[in-house]
Protein backbone atom coordinates (compact mmCIF):
# COMPACT_ATOMS: atom_id res chain seq x y z
CA MET A 1 -12.71 -0.88 -64.60
CA THR A 2 -14.81 -3.96 -66.21
CA GLU A 3 -13.49 -6.18 -68.66
CA THR A 4 -15.08 -7.08 -71.19
CA PRO A 5 -16.06 -11.39 -71.27
CA THR A 6 -14.44 -13.02 -73.78
CA ALA A 7 -16.35 -15.66 -76.38
CA LEU A 8 -14.89 -18.73 -74.42
CA GLN A 9 -16.62 -17.38 -70.71
CA ILE A 10 -19.99 -16.38 -72.77
CA HIS A 11 -20.01 -20.38 -74.30
CA LEU A 12 -19.67 -21.76 -70.84
CA SER A 13 -21.99 -19.90 -69.36
CA CYS A 14 -24.43 -20.42 -71.71
CA SER A 15 -23.91 -23.94 -71.58
CA LEU A 16 -24.46 -23.69 -67.63
CA GLY A 17 -27.71 -22.37 -68.39
CA LEU A 18 -28.81 -24.54 -71.12
CA ALA A 19 -28.01 -27.73 -68.72
CA ASN A 20 -29.93 -26.38 -65.76
CA THR A 21 -33.08 -25.18 -68.31
CA GLN A 22 -33.01 -28.33 -69.28
CA MET A 23 -33.67 -30.12 -65.43
CA ALA A 24 -36.27 -27.28 -65.01
CA LEU A 25 -38.37 -28.03 -67.61
CA ALA A 26 -38.15 -32.10 -67.11
CA SER A 27 -38.80 -31.59 -63.92
CA ALA A 28 -41.83 -29.18 -63.94
CA LEU A 29 -43.49 -30.67 -66.92
CA LEU A 30 -42.95 -34.50 -65.10
CA PRO A 31 -43.00 -34.55 -61.41
CA GLY A 32 -41.02 -36.86 -60.00
CA GLY A 33 -38.54 -37.20 -62.83
CA VAL A 34 -39.03 -38.59 -66.52
CA CYS A 35 -36.96 -41.72 -64.88
CA ASN A 36 -39.72 -42.37 -62.52
CA ALA A 37 -41.63 -45.33 -63.94
CA GLU A 38 -44.00 -45.68 -60.97
CA LEU A 39 -45.62 -41.82 -61.13
CA LYS A 40 -48.45 -41.20 -63.37
CA HIS A 41 -49.34 -37.38 -64.48
CA PRO A 42 -53.05 -37.05 -65.67
CA LEU A 43 -51.46 -35.50 -68.90
CA TRP A 44 -49.40 -38.84 -69.65
CA LEU A 45 -50.66 -42.64 -70.31
CA HIS A 46 -48.01 -44.93 -68.77
CA SER A 47 -48.37 -48.16 -69.59
CA ARG A 48 -48.67 -50.82 -66.76
CA THR A 49 -48.49 -54.82 -67.14
CA ASP A 50 -51.60 -55.49 -64.79
CA SER A 51 -55.46 -55.04 -66.60
CA SER A 52 -56.56 -52.00 -64.25
CA THR A 53 -57.32 -49.24 -66.26
CA GLU A 54 -57.79 -46.87 -63.70
CA GLU A 55 -55.86 -43.57 -63.95
CA SER A 56 -54.24 -42.71 -60.50
CA PRO A 57 -53.68 -39.36 -59.30
CA ALA A 58 -50.52 -37.58 -59.45
CA PRO A 59 -48.96 -37.47 -56.37
CA HIS A 60 -48.94 -34.32 -55.10
CA TYR A 61 -45.82 -32.68 -53.88
CA THR A 62 -44.77 -30.07 -51.69
CA PRO A 63 -41.59 -27.81 -51.96
CA THR A 64 -39.95 -29.44 -48.94
CA GLN A 65 -40.08 -32.90 -50.59
CA HIS A 66 -37.45 -33.78 -52.11
CA ARG A 67 -37.61 -34.88 -55.93
CA PRO A 68 -35.66 -38.01 -57.69
CA GLU A 69 -32.31 -36.19 -59.24
CA LEU A 70 -32.74 -35.75 -62.78
CA LYS A 71 -29.92 -36.11 -65.01
CA PRO A 72 -29.94 -33.79 -68.08
CA GLY A 73 -31.07 -35.18 -71.39
CA SER A 74 -31.67 -38.62 -70.44
CA CYS A 75 -34.77 -41.06 -70.80
CA THR A 76 -35.07 -43.71 -69.07
CA LYS A 77 -36.64 -47.17 -70.97
CA ALA A 78 -39.51 -47.36 -68.76
CA PHE A 79 -40.22 -43.56 -69.60
CA LEU A 80 -39.76 -44.22 -72.87
CA GLU A 81 -42.20 -47.10 -73.38
CA GLY A 82 -45.09 -44.47 -73.94
CA PRO A 83 -45.81 -42.92 -77.63
CA ILE A 84 -46.55 -39.46 -76.12
CA GLN A 85 -43.62 -39.32 -73.32
CA ARG A 86 -41.37 -40.51 -75.78
CA GLY A 87 -42.13 -37.29 -78.22
CA LEU A 88 -42.25 -34.83 -75.91
CA CYS A 89 -38.72 -36.22 -74.78
CA LEU A 90 -37.45 -36.03 -78.27
CA SER A 91 -38.90 -32.64 -78.64
CA LEU A 92 -37.50 -31.07 -75.50
CA ARG A 93 -33.84 -32.73 -76.56
CA ASN A 94 -34.56 -30.82 -79.99
CA GLY A 95 -35.32 -27.62 -78.76
CA ILE A 96 -32.61 -27.25 -76.32
CA ALA A 97 -30.13 -28.49 -79.55
CA PHE A 98 -31.66 -25.68 -81.88
CA THR A 99 -31.22 -23.37 -79.00
CA GLN A 100 -28.06 -24.74 -78.12
CA ARG A 101 -26.81 -24.02 -81.76
CA SER A 102 -28.88 -20.74 -82.37
CA LEU A 103 -26.43 -19.57 -79.13
CA SER A 104 -23.02 -21.09 -80.49
CA SER A 105 -23.90 -18.82 -83.62
CA LEU A 106 -24.52 -15.61 -81.55
CA VAL A 107 -21.81 -16.35 -79.76
CA THR A 108 -19.32 -17.02 -83.14
CA ALA A 109 -20.72 -13.34 -84.34
CA PHE A 110 -20.49 -11.61 -80.81
CA SER A 111 -16.45 -13.01 -81.24
CA SER A 112 -16.53 -11.01 -84.49
CA LEU A 113 -17.83 -7.78 -83.36
CA THR A 114 -15.11 -7.78 -80.42
CA ARG A 115 -12.06 -8.23 -82.64
CA PRO A 116 -11.76 -4.78 -83.39
CA PHE A 117 -12.34 -3.88 -80.37
CA ALA A 118 -9.60 -6.19 -79.14
CA GLN A 119 -7.10 -5.04 -82.01
CA SER A 120 -8.36 -1.17 -81.00
CA LYS A 121 -6.68 -2.14 -77.20
CA GLN A 122 -3.55 -3.16 -78.33
CA MET A 123 -3.11 0.00 -80.41
CA SER A 124 -4.20 1.81 -77.45
CA ASN A 125 -1.12 -0.16 -75.90
CA SER A 126 1.10 1.59 -78.22
CA SER A 127 -0.39 5.16 -77.80
CA SER A 128 -0.15 4.93 -74.00
CA ILE A 129 3.42 4.81 -74.19
CA THR A 130 4.95 7.85 -72.65
CA HIS A 131 8.24 7.00 -72.68
CA PHE A 132 11.27 4.02 -72.89
CA LEU A 133 13.23 2.62 -71.04
CA LEU A 134 16.77 2.73 -72.39
CA LEU A 135 19.73 0.08 -71.69
CA ALA A 136 21.58 0.69 -68.40
CA PHE A 137 25.54 0.14 -68.84
CA ALA A 138 26.36 -0.66 -64.80
CA ASP A 139 24.20 -1.39 -61.33
CA THR A 140 26.85 0.44 -59.32
CA ARG A 141 27.67 4.00 -59.13
CA GLU A 142 31.47 3.28 -59.86
CA LEU A 143 31.06 2.02 -63.24
CA GLN A 144 28.55 4.48 -63.95
CA LEU A 145 30.64 7.08 -63.56
CA LEU A 146 33.28 5.25 -65.16
CA HIS A 147 31.19 4.81 -68.31
CA PHE A 148 30.43 8.58 -68.17
CA TRP A 149 33.72 9.72 -67.64
CA PHE A 150 34.56 7.35 -70.99
CA PHE A 151 31.78 8.76 -73.31
CA LEU A 152 32.58 12.54 -72.37
CA GLY A 153 36.01 11.67 -73.82
CA ILE A 154 34.85 10.24 -76.65
CA TYR A 155 32.43 12.90 -77.36
CA LEU A 156 35.06 15.62 -76.51
CA ALA A 157 37.56 14.14 -78.83
CA ALA A 158 34.85 14.03 -81.63
CA LEU A 159 33.28 18.11 -80.96
CA LEU A 160 36.85 18.97 -80.85
CA GLY A 161 38.50 17.45 -84.17
CA ASN A 162 35.49 17.93 -86.11
CA GLY A 163 35.22 21.69 -85.29
CA LEU A 164 38.86 22.22 -85.74
CA ILE A 165 38.04 20.78 -89.49
CA ILE A 166 34.95 22.68 -90.03
CA SER A 167 36.69 26.12 -88.37
CA ALA A 168 39.77 25.24 -90.79
CA VAL A 169 38.12 24.70 -93.71
CA ALA A 170 36.05 27.90 -93.34
CA CYS A 171 38.69 30.19 -92.53
CA ASP A 172 41.51 28.91 -95.10
CA HIS A 173 40.58 30.24 -98.59
CA ARG A 174 43.10 27.63 -99.70
CA LEU A 175 41.06 24.65 -98.24
CA HIS A 176 37.86 25.89 -100.35
CA SER A 177 38.18 23.07 -102.95
CA PRO A 178 35.57 20.64 -103.39
CA MET A 179 37.60 17.53 -101.49
CA TYR A 180 37.24 19.83 -98.51
CA PHE A 181 34.21 21.59 -98.87
CA PHE A 182 32.46 17.74 -98.52
CA LEU A 183 34.61 17.18 -95.91
CA LEU A 184 33.35 19.78 -94.12
CA ASN A 185 29.77 18.33 -94.85
CA LEU A 186 31.12 15.38 -92.93
CA SER A 187 32.66 16.64 -90.13
CA VAL A 188 29.18 18.74 -89.55
CA LEU A 189 27.39 15.06 -89.97
CA ASP A 190 30.08 13.71 -87.59
CA LEU A 191 28.89 16.36 -84.93
CA GLY A 192 25.35 15.76 -84.76
CA SER A 193 25.30 11.52 -85.41
CA ILE A 194 27.34 11.41 -82.12
CA SER A 195 25.63 14.30 -80.78
CA THR A 196 21.78 12.82 -81.00
CA THR A 197 23.00 9.57 -78.72
CA VAL A 198 26.11 10.28 -76.03
CA PRO A 199 24.76 14.17 -74.36
CA LYS A 200 21.20 11.93 -73.66
CA SER A 201 23.49 8.45 -72.52
CA MET A 202 25.98 10.42 -70.59
CA ALA A 203 22.68 12.30 -68.43
CA ASN A 204 20.30 9.19 -67.97
CA THR A 205 24.34 7.90 -67.03
CA LEU A 206 24.62 10.96 -64.39
CA TRP A 207 21.32 11.43 -62.85
CA ASP A 208 20.94 7.35 -62.26
CA THR A 209 18.10 6.61 -64.73
CA ARG A 210 16.65 4.81 -67.81
CA ALA A 211 14.03 7.63 -69.19
CA ILE A 212 13.66 8.97 -72.68
CA SER A 213 10.29 10.63 -73.81
CA TYR A 214 8.38 8.94 -76.54
CA LEU A 215 8.82 11.95 -78.10
CA GLY A 216 12.68 12.04 -77.48
CA CYS A 217 12.47 9.06 -78.83
CA ALA A 218 11.21 9.40 -81.75
CA THR A 219 13.47 12.52 -82.49
CA GLN A 220 16.51 10.94 -81.51
CA VAL A 221 15.49 7.93 -84.37
CA PHE A 222 14.86 10.53 -86.87
CA CYS A 223 18.75 12.99 -86.64
CA PHE A 224 20.20 9.52 -86.19
CA HIS A 225 18.85 8.17 -89.54
CA LEU A 226 19.48 11.75 -91.06
CA PHE A 227 23.00 11.52 -90.17
CA LEU A 228 23.80 8.32 -90.93
CA SER A 229 21.95 7.79 -93.96
CA ALA A 230 23.49 11.67 -95.21
CA GLU A 231 26.92 10.39 -94.40
CA CYS A 232 26.68 7.13 -96.70
CA CYS A 233 25.42 9.11 -99.39
CA LEU A 234 28.39 12.03 -98.78
CA LEU A 235 31.16 8.98 -98.98
CA THR A 236 29.80 8.26 -102.19
CA ILE A 237 30.26 11.65 -103.84
CA MET A 238 33.69 11.79 -101.86
CA ALA A 239 34.70 8.76 -103.90
CA TYR A 240 33.27 10.32 -107.58
CA ASP A 241 35.27 13.44 -106.25
CA ARG A 242 38.58 11.46 -106.04
CA HIS A 243 37.74 9.64 -109.42
CA VAL A 244 37.52 12.94 -111.18
CA ALA A 245 40.52 14.41 -109.68
CA ILE A 246 43.00 11.71 -110.68
CA CYS A 247 41.00 9.63 -113.34
CA LYS A 248 39.66 12.98 -115.14
CA PRO A 249 42.10 16.18 -113.62
CA LEU A 250 41.37 17.86 -116.71
CA HIS A 251 37.63 17.97 -116.36
CA TYR A 252 38.19 18.31 -113.03
CA GLY A 253 36.99 21.74 -112.75
CA THR A 254 33.82 21.48 -114.86
CA LEU A 255 32.59 18.38 -113.45
CA LEU A 256 33.05 19.47 -110.18
CA GLY A 257 32.19 23.22 -109.87
CA ILE A 258 30.63 25.11 -106.87
CA ARG A 259 26.94 24.79 -108.31
CA ALA A 260 28.11 20.97 -108.58
CA CYS A 261 29.14 20.34 -105.32
CA VAL A 262 26.25 22.42 -103.66
CA HIS A 263 23.91 20.38 -105.29
CA MET A 264 25.40 17.15 -104.78
CA ALA A 265 25.66 17.80 -100.87
CA ALA A 266 22.19 19.01 -100.96
CA ALA A 267 21.06 15.33 -102.50
CA ALA A 268 22.77 13.77 -99.78
CA TRP A 269 21.43 16.27 -97.25
CA GLY A 270 17.58 15.50 -99.25
CA SER A 271 18.02 11.64 -98.95
CA GLY A 272 19.33 11.40 -95.45
CA LEU A 273 16.13 13.46 -94.97
CA LEU A 274 13.66 11.25 -96.67
CA TYR A 275 15.06 8.45 -95.20
CA ALA A 276 14.51 9.51 -91.71
CA VAL A 277 11.06 11.05 -92.27
CA LEU A 278 10.02 7.43 -94.04
CA HIS A 279 11.66 4.88 -90.82
CA THR A 280 10.46 7.14 -88.29
CA ALA A 281 7.08 7.74 -89.44
CA ASN A 282 6.44 3.81 -90.03
CA THR A 283 8.50 2.86 -86.59
CA PHE A 284 6.20 4.83 -84.75
CA SER A 285 2.96 3.68 -86.54
CA ILE A 286 3.82 0.06 -85.32
CA PRO A 287 1.19 -1.32 -81.88
CA LEU A 288 3.47 -2.10 -79.25
CA CYS A 289 2.63 -4.54 -77.55
CA HIS A 290 5.67 -5.96 -75.23
CA GLY A 291 6.36 -3.11 -72.63
CA ASN A 292 8.76 -0.03 -73.53
CA ALA A 293 11.81 -1.54 -72.02
CA LEU A 294 14.75 -0.73 -75.19
CA ASP A 295 18.02 -3.27 -75.27
CA GLN A 296 20.30 -0.22 -76.34
CA PHE A 297 22.14 2.90 -74.91
CA PHE A 298 19.67 4.80 -77.17
CA CYS A 299 16.54 4.52 -79.76
CA GLU A 300 17.73 2.56 -82.27
CA ILE A 301 14.73 0.73 -84.59
CA PRO A 302 15.71 -3.33 -84.37
CA GLN A 303 15.51 -2.23 -80.56
CA ILE A 304 11.98 -0.79 -81.07
CA LEU A 305 10.44 -3.35 -83.72
CA LYS A 306 11.22 -5.98 -80.97
CA LEU A 307 8.57 -4.40 -79.19
CA SER A 308 5.82 -4.51 -81.36
CA CYS A 309 3.03 -7.32 -81.99
CA SER A 310 3.46 -9.88 -84.21
CA HIS A 311 3.45 -9.23 -88.07
CA SER A 312 2.85 -5.32 -87.35
CA TYR A 313 6.99 -5.01 -88.29
CA LEU A 314 7.29 -6.34 -91.41
CA SER A 315 6.38 -3.59 -93.80
CA GLU A 316 9.20 -1.85 -91.32
CA VAL A 317 11.72 -4.62 -92.35
CA GLY A 318 10.67 -4.38 -95.60
CA LEU A 319 11.76 -0.13 -95.34
CA LEU A 320 14.99 -1.97 -94.53
CA VAL A 321 15.49 -4.61 -96.93
CA VAL A 322 15.37 -2.09 -99.32
CA SER A 323 17.17 0.56 -97.33
CA ALA A 324 20.51 -2.43 -97.37
CA PHE A 325 20.44 -2.63 -101.05
CA LEU A 326 20.73 1.18 -101.42
CA VAL A 327 23.53 0.94 -99.05
CA LEU A 328 24.61 -1.54 -101.24
CA GLY A 329 24.41 -0.03 -103.74
CA CYS A 330 26.65 2.95 -102.40
CA PHE A 331 29.07 1.02 -101.70
CA VAL A 332 29.45 -1.00 -105.31
CA PHE A 333 29.80 2.47 -106.66
CA ILE A 334 32.71 2.88 -103.99
CA VAL A 335 34.71 0.00 -105.32
CA LEU A 336 34.39 0.95 -108.90
CA SER A 337 35.28 3.91 -108.24
CA TYR A 338 38.81 3.34 -106.19
CA VAL A 339 39.15 0.13 -109.23
CA GLN A 340 40.00 3.08 -111.41
CA ILE A 341 41.66 5.16 -109.01
CA PHE A 342 44.49 2.39 -108.74
CA ARG A 343 44.54 1.59 -111.71
CA ALA A 344 45.01 5.46 -112.91
CA VAL A 345 47.49 5.57 -110.13
CA LEU A 346 49.22 2.67 -111.33
CA ARG A 347 50.49 4.49 -115.03
CA ILE A 348 51.63 7.53 -112.93
CA PRO A 349 55.42 7.47 -113.98
CA SER A 350 57.06 8.91 -111.35
CA GLU A 351 56.63 8.03 -107.22
CA GLN A 352 55.91 11.36 -106.00
CA GLY A 353 52.72 11.19 -108.22
CA ARG A 354 51.55 8.00 -107.23
CA HIS A 355 52.29 8.81 -103.04
CA LYS A 356 50.50 12.36 -103.75
CA ALA A 357 47.96 10.37 -105.51
CA LEU A 358 47.21 7.87 -102.97
CA SER A 359 47.79 10.16 -99.94
CA THR A 360 44.50 11.82 -100.87
CA CYS A 361 42.72 8.67 -101.13
CA LEU A 362 43.63 6.50 -98.41
CA PRO A 363 42.09 8.31 -95.78
CA HIS A 364 38.78 8.37 -97.52
CA LEU A 365 39.31 5.02 -98.59
CA ALA A 366 39.67 3.85 -94.36
CA VAL A 367 36.87 5.88 -93.44
CA VAL A 368 34.46 4.36 -95.89
CA SER A 369 36.08 0.73 -94.46
CA LEU A 370 34.97 1.72 -91.13
CA PHE A 371 31.73 3.00 -91.71
CA ILE A 372 30.47 0.20 -93.57
CA SER A 373 32.15 -2.30 -91.79
CA THR A 374 30.35 -1.41 -88.49
CA GLY A 375 27.35 -1.15 -89.80
CA VAL A 376 27.22 -4.55 -91.49
CA PHE A 377 28.16 -6.06 -88.48
CA ALA A 378 25.64 -4.34 -86.39
CA TYR A 379 23.16 -5.09 -88.58
CA LEU A 380 23.40 -7.76 -90.59
CA LYS A 381 25.08 -10.69 -88.38
CA PRO A 382 23.57 -14.19 -87.85
CA PRO A 383 20.67 -14.26 -85.37
CA SER A 384 22.84 -16.68 -83.62
CA ILE A 385 25.82 -15.15 -82.70
CA SER A 386 24.00 -12.15 -81.66
CA SER A 387 23.59 -11.33 -78.17
CA PRO A 388 22.97 -8.21 -76.18
CA SER A 389 26.44 -7.77 -75.24
CA GLN A 390 27.65 -8.04 -78.77
CA ASP A 391 24.79 -5.35 -80.03
CA LEU A 392 25.94 -3.21 -77.81
CA VAL A 393 29.80 -3.44 -78.27
CA MET A 394 29.05 -2.93 -82.20
CA ALA A 395 26.83 -0.52 -81.67
CA VAL A 396 29.36 1.62 -79.83
CA LEU A 397 31.64 1.05 -82.47
CA TYR A 398 29.26 2.29 -85.24
CA SER A 399 28.02 5.33 -83.59
CA LEU A 400 30.89 6.63 -81.59
CA VAL A 401 33.67 5.53 -82.92
CA PRO A 402 33.50 6.93 -87.13
CA PRO A 403 32.99 10.28 -86.19
CA ALA A 404 35.43 10.47 -83.29
CA VAL A 405 38.70 8.75 -85.68
CA ASN A 406 37.53 10.59 -88.89
CA PRO A 407 39.11 14.04 -88.49
CA LEU A 408 42.76 12.15 -86.79
CA ILE A 409 42.31 9.76 -90.14
CA TYR A 410 41.92 12.66 -92.27
CA SER A 411 44.36 15.23 -90.93
CA MET A 412 47.12 12.41 -90.54
CA ARG A 413 48.45 11.89 -94.64
CA ASN A 414 47.42 15.61 -95.43
CA GLN A 415 49.80 18.11 -95.09
CA GLU A 416 47.32 20.67 -96.59
CA LEU A 417 44.72 20.97 -93.66
CA LYS A 418 47.64 19.68 -90.94
CA ASN A 419 48.76 23.32 -91.94
CA ALA A 420 46.05 25.21 -91.62
CA LEU A 421 44.91 23.38 -88.56
CA ARG A 422 48.63 24.37 -87.01
CA LYS A 423 47.42 28.55 -87.86
CA LEU A 424 43.90 28.41 -86.82
CA VAL A 425 45.18 26.85 -82.94
CA GLN A 426 48.23 29.16 -83.43
CA TYR A 427 45.72 32.01 -83.90
CA ILE A 428 43.34 31.19 -81.57
CA LEU A 429 46.19 30.52 -78.54
CA LEU A 430 47.42 34.23 -79.49
CA GLN A 431 43.62 35.43 -79.17
CA HIS A 432 43.95 34.72 -75.14
């Protein structure tokens, strides 16, 4: 494949050609060189100091004879004594200067014409990427197998815990209430988020590869942000549910009926879908100029932006900033809800009533704290303390730990959920 010449190469070639043209023209018009005061030509009148007015014939040069070397653009004092010679020399120099200016303008125009081609070449670099390379946890086979079994244990724990909660809420009619309906949706989101990242990482480790296809990476980004953003909205709705249940118990059935719960859950899923579409479309429309290696074990937007061309990632950064403000708004709403909840709990006269109210709030508060703290440390930590190992640890914390720990947190202090899970396990064992 031939490479398009750059403007600098064209400029150097033109300058070199002009210098050679100047020497050739001067040598052809002035035999012997314009700087030789002893040579005479029929077309030139050379003034002499003696009284002789005869014109000497021009010397004849054969192709094998050597002519005096001519320096480009130079005229000696002897030659410039004649007015015709001076005029011709100045005309020659002015003509070459005009040609140089014209070619410089041509080079500038050519550069402006080839600039879109260079930009399209950068765009073609991103479109030519067929796969990405994910971060490998270890180089030795023993450590790779250790990573595989570690991820497999976490994934099975998340799968078992969330699957049991989903089954218990769906099968036990005593758990058909708004709080457990939202808990079922939370378990589905946790299963989706951990299933988006962990199985691919385990498969790559087991087969000793790092590759993920371009479409697979885009799908991973879309699904991961769909589940995370929907979970953030759902945790906010669950805080509102606890606020109504404790602060306005008489209006709980009215404010949180079946239709209202379905609409709020659908709004959380719809918000996550919109968020995921915007980020995925914006991220993968950015041209990539710095290879295809990602410093993360799954496709993460900040790592993809590191591969982008200069200043082409600003639109996605702006969208991330807007998303950060929305998450901050959800966090402020949750904090204000719990301020009202704690004020209402302190007004309950009986200790048993306060304990029962707090037992339904503390699991949700622990899940919110775990979700927000890991996300904040992962995305909002200062760049001065950032390192690839820290980024990896934080990614494991916010993508693996919450889905695996949330079922344990919710079932630890909830007696109704414990009883439902016990009956479900007994039924499964009796069937086998």
